[in-house]
Protein backbone atom coordinates (compact mmCIF):
# COMPACT_ATOMS: atom_id res chain seq x y z
CA GLN A 1 -3.83 -11.35 44.46
CA CYS A 2 -0.25 -10.92 43.43
CA PRO A 3 2.38 -13.99 43.42
CA GLU A 4 5.13 -13.81 45.28
CA GLY A 5 7.91 -11.75 43.76
CA TYR A 6 5.48 -9.63 41.56
CA ILE A 7 4.15 -6.21 42.16
CA CYS A 8 0.69 -5.88 41.09
CA VAL A 9 -0.38 -2.56 39.68
CA LYS A 10 -4.09 -1.39 39.19
CA ALA A 11 -4.33 -0.62 35.35
CA GLY A 12 -6.96 1.59 33.77
CA ARG A 13 -8.73 0.24 30.63
CA ASN A 14 -7.31 0.37 27.30
CA PRO A 15 -7.92 3.67 25.30
CA ASN A 16 -10.39 3.90 22.66
CA TYR A 17 -13.05 2.12 24.58
CA GLY A 18 -10.79 -0.67 24.67
CA TYR A 19 -10.07 -1.05 20.93
CA THR A 20 -6.51 0.07 21.15
CA SER A 21 -4.33 -2.65 22.76
CA PHE A 22 -1.80 -5.36 22.33
CA ASP A 23 -3.53 -7.43 24.76
CA THR A 24 -4.33 -10.34 22.60
CA PHE A 25 -3.26 -11.47 19.07
CA SER A 26 -6.84 -10.17 17.50
CA TRP A 27 -6.29 -6.78 18.86
CA ALA A 28 -2.78 -6.73 18.12
CA PHE A 29 -3.37 -7.81 14.60
CA LEU A 30 -5.57 -5.00 14.52
CA SER A 31 -3.33 -2.43 15.72
CA LEU A 32 -0.63 -3.50 13.38
CA PHE A 33 -2.97 -3.33 10.22
CA ARG A 34 -3.85 0.01 11.41
CA LEU A 35 -0.05 1.14 11.49
CA MET A 36 0.57 -0.62 8.10
CA THR A 37 -2.18 1.06 6.70
CA GLN A 38 -1.23 4.49 8.17
CA ASP A 39 -4.98 4.89 9.40
CA PHE A 40 -4.55 7.61 12.42
CA TRP A 41 -1.47 5.84 13.28
CA GLU A 42 -0.30 9.00 15.06
CA ASN A 43 -3.12 8.65 17.84
CA LEU A 44 -1.84 4.95 18.12
CA TYR A 45 1.70 6.02 18.45
CA GLN A 46 0.82 8.74 21.00
CA LEU A 47 -1.17 6.38 23.31
CA THR A 48 1.52 3.42 23.14
CA LEU A 49 4.27 6.01 23.73
CA ARG A 50 2.44 7.17 26.82
CA ALA A 51 1.48 3.71 28.16
CA ALA A 52 4.86 1.80 27.24
CA GLY A 53 7.43 4.26 27.07
CA LYS A 54 9.69 5.70 24.37
CA THR A 55 11.50 1.96 23.57
CA TYR A 56 8.31 1.45 21.30
CA MET A 57 9.41 4.14 18.96
CA ILE A 58 11.66 1.84 17.36
CA PHE A 59 8.96 -0.76 16.52
CA PHE A 60 6.56 1.84 15.31
CA VAL A 61 9.56 2.97 12.77
CA LEU A 62 9.78 -0.28 11.83
CA VAL A 63 6.53 -1.24 10.97
CA ILE A 64 5.46 2.26 9.36
CA PHE A 65 8.50 2.15 7.13
CA LEU A 66 8.83 -1.70 6.13
CA GLY A 67 5.19 -2.74 6.94
CA SER A 68 3.87 -0.08 4.94
CA PHE A 69 6.43 -0.15 2.08
CA TYR A 70 5.73 -4.01 1.63
CA LEU A 71 2.00 -3.73 1.96
CA ILE A 72 1.69 -0.94 -0.48
CA ASN A 73 4.11 -2.94 -2.90
CA LEU A 74 1.61 -6.23 -2.27
CA ILE A 75 -1.46 -4.27 -2.93
CA LEU A 76 0.02 -2.98 -6.37
CA ALA A 77 1.37 -6.13 -7.41
CA VAL A 78 -1.96 -7.74 -6.99
CA VAL A 79 -3.87 -4.94 -8.70
CA ALA A 80 -1.09 -5.09 -11.74
CA MET A 81 -1.82 -8.99 -11.91
CA ALA A 82 -5.56 -8.62 -11.88
CA TYR A 83 -5.09 -5.95 -14.77
CA GLU A 84 -3.07 -7.96 -16.75
CA GLU A 85 -5.36 -10.84 -16.46
CA GLN A 86 -8.22 -8.86 -17.44
CA ASN A 87 -6.18 -7.36 -20.48
CA GLN A 88 -5.38 -10.89 -21.35
CA ALA A 89 -9.15 -12.18 -21.55
CA THR A 90 -10.19 -9.04 -23.31
CA MET A 91 -7.38 -9.55 -26.04
CA GLU A 92 -8.13 -13.29 -26.27
CA GLU A 93 -11.85 -12.34 -26.89
CA ALA A 94 -11.19 -9.52 -29.53
CA GLU A 95 -9.10 -12.30 -31.33
CA GLN A 96 -11.85 -14.75 -31.09
CA LYS A 97 -14.57 -12.24 -32.29
CA GLU A 98 -12.13 -11.24 -35.28
CA ALA A 99 -11.84 -14.86 -36.32
CA GLU A 100 -15.62 -15.09 -36.14
CA PHE A 101 -16.16 -11.85 -38.36
CA GLN A 102 -13.50 -13.31 -40.80
CA GLN A 103 -15.33 -16.40 -41.36
CA MET A 104 -18.77 -14.62 -41.99
CA LEU A 105 -17.22 -12.17 -44.21
CA GLU A 106 -15.61 -15.25 -46.21
CA GLN A 107 -19.16 -17.04 -46.35
CA LEU A 108 -20.51 -13.63 -47.56
CA LYS A 109 -18.35 -13.54 -50.36
CA LYS A 110 -18.80 -17.31 -51.38
CA GLN A 111 -22.62 -16.67 -51.54
CA GLN A 112 -22.24 -13.42 -53.36
CA GLU A 113 -19.73 -15.59 -56.11
CA GLU A 114 -22.46 -18.28 -56.30
CA ALA A 115 -25.37 -15.69 -56.72
CA GLN A 116 -23.39 -14.53 -59.86
């Protein structure tokens, strides 16, 4: 039943067995994530273009160019930070082992001097 002043249209099921839609926040988020990662986004673009019209082309262009750019930069920043942390930990461990080695070397020299 349609409220007064509205036109009700019978709609079909969402494409891809209901996985492609912007009906709820979770499905919209999944679709946006798919766009930003550029995972088979062409199909999503075609399905949305057929269902909603050409005005959504602007939305897709913005999300693909801006969203993908920032998502890739964010991932690269996280990887670079993790690499730097790991590198720093490795350097500290190497310095600690070097100090232990120098200490053992000094002890051996003292023992040799005492033995002579």
